[in-house]
Amino acid sequence: MTTTPAAQTLTDPDTPFAVVDVHKSLRNIERLQARANQLGVTLRPHMKTAKSLDVAALMHDGGMCPVTVSTLAEAEAFADGGYTDITYAVGIDPHKLPRVIALLRRGVTLRVLLDSTEQAVFVAEAARRFGLPIPAQIEIDCDGHRGGLKPDDPALTEIGRILHDAACLDGVLTHAGESYFAYSAEEQRLAAQHERDTAVAAAERLRAAHLPVNCVSVGSTPTAHAAEDLTGVTELRAGNYVFFDLVMAGLDVCQVHDLALSVVVTVIGHRPEYGWIITDGGWMAMSRDRGTANQSQDQGYGLVTDLAGHLIPNLVMTAASQEHGTLATRDGADLPDLPVGTRLRILPNHACATAAQHHGYHVVDSGKGTESAPVIHARWPRITGW
C-alpha cells in the first residue's frame, strides 16, 4: 500500500534506499505513449522493471492499462489491483497452470507464452480439463537472443493448430533483446524493423494455415523508441523506459538527466592513498550488473550525484562488495570533498536489477524544485517473489 510519510527529506531514512523521481518517470512515460500513438499501436508496458502498482497508475492517469509481467506474483498483484488484461511474458510450465487458471476464473485475461509443441499440448489439455480457454501466444525468435521459434519453423503451424483446436491461440510475441547491443541509431532502427518483420511474418504464416492471430506483439525499450513503421503489429511492449538507466543512456535512447531511479548512499570512509571514497551502498543496493562495460563509456557500477540529483563530475562507483561501494575519479584526479556522513545518489547501470534489490521506492518530484534535500512525497511498495 502506498504511504505518505510525515515531513521527511532524503536526509532522513537509513541508507541505502531507492528513489524514484516521479517527474522524470512521467516524462519518460509520456514520451513513449506519444510514440505508440503516432505508430498506431497499443502500448502494453512491461512491469518487470518497476513491479509497482503505483508506477503503473502513472501510465493512464490512474486508469487500468494492459500490462506485461515477468512473474505470476506480478500477475496476481496486478489482478488484485483491478487489472484484467495481462500478458505473462515468460515461457509457461505445467506447475504454474493452477495459478493461471485461478486468475482466469477471476475474470482476468491472462495470456501465457510458449514456443514448443510440448507446452502447447499441456496448455490445450489443461484448457479442456478445466473447461476454460487459456489464451496463449507463440514466442517468435527475431534475433537469436533467447527462446522462440523462427517464422519458418515447421513447428509454428503445428503449435498453432494444437492451441486453436482448444480455443487457446491468441497470437505471436517477440522481443528484440539484441537491441541492447545496437550502438547506433541506425542499428536500433534496423533492429526495430527486423523485430516487426519477423513477428508479422510469423503471423502471416499462421493465417495462411487458416489459424486466427489476434495479437502481434513486439517490443524492447530501444526498438520501441526507434521503430518507424509497425504495420501489422497490434501492440508494443517496453519496461525499462519508465526509469531508464545508464545502459539506455549509453545507447542514446535517453539522456542521463532522464534517469528516474537512483539509490541514496552515505559516505562512511576514505582511502586517500588509493583515491577512494567508501559508501554503505554495495552490490546489495545496486546489483552486480555491469551493463555499460562493453559500451564506449564504462560507467562502473554507476554515476554519482549530490542529493539534489546534480552530477558530480568525473566521479564513478568503481567497485562494489556486498555492503560497501567504492567511488573514485575516472582519471585519478583529486577527490571531491565529501566528508563521512555525506549523502549521495547513485544512478544505476540497469534499472531492473537495481530496483530488484529494494522493497520499495521513496518518491521525490524534481518538477517541484531541486532542493538540496528533496522532499519525500510518498513511499511506493514493490512486488517481490515469483
Foldseek 3Di string as FASTA:
>chain_A
DWFFDDWDFQLPDDDWAKAFAQQLLLVLLVVLVVLCVVQVAFAAEEALQVQFPVSCCSNPVRDAGHYEYQDLLSVVVVVVVVHQHYEHPDADDLVCVVSQVVSVVVNHLYEHEHAALVSLQSQLVVCVVVVHAHAYAYEDELDPPDDGHFLPPPVLLVSLVSSVVSVHYAAYEYELPCLLVQQELVSLQVSLVSQLVRQQSSQVVNVVVVGDYNAREYEELSNSQNYDHNVSHHYYYYYCSSAPAVSCCLSVSDNPVSGRMKIKWFFADDDVVVQKTKIQAFCLQQNPDQSCPPGPDRQAFFFKAAQLRHGDPQKGQHHGDDGMTIIHGPVRDHDDDHDGGGMMITTGHGSSSNSLSHQWHFYFHCVVDRDSTTIGGMITGRRDDD
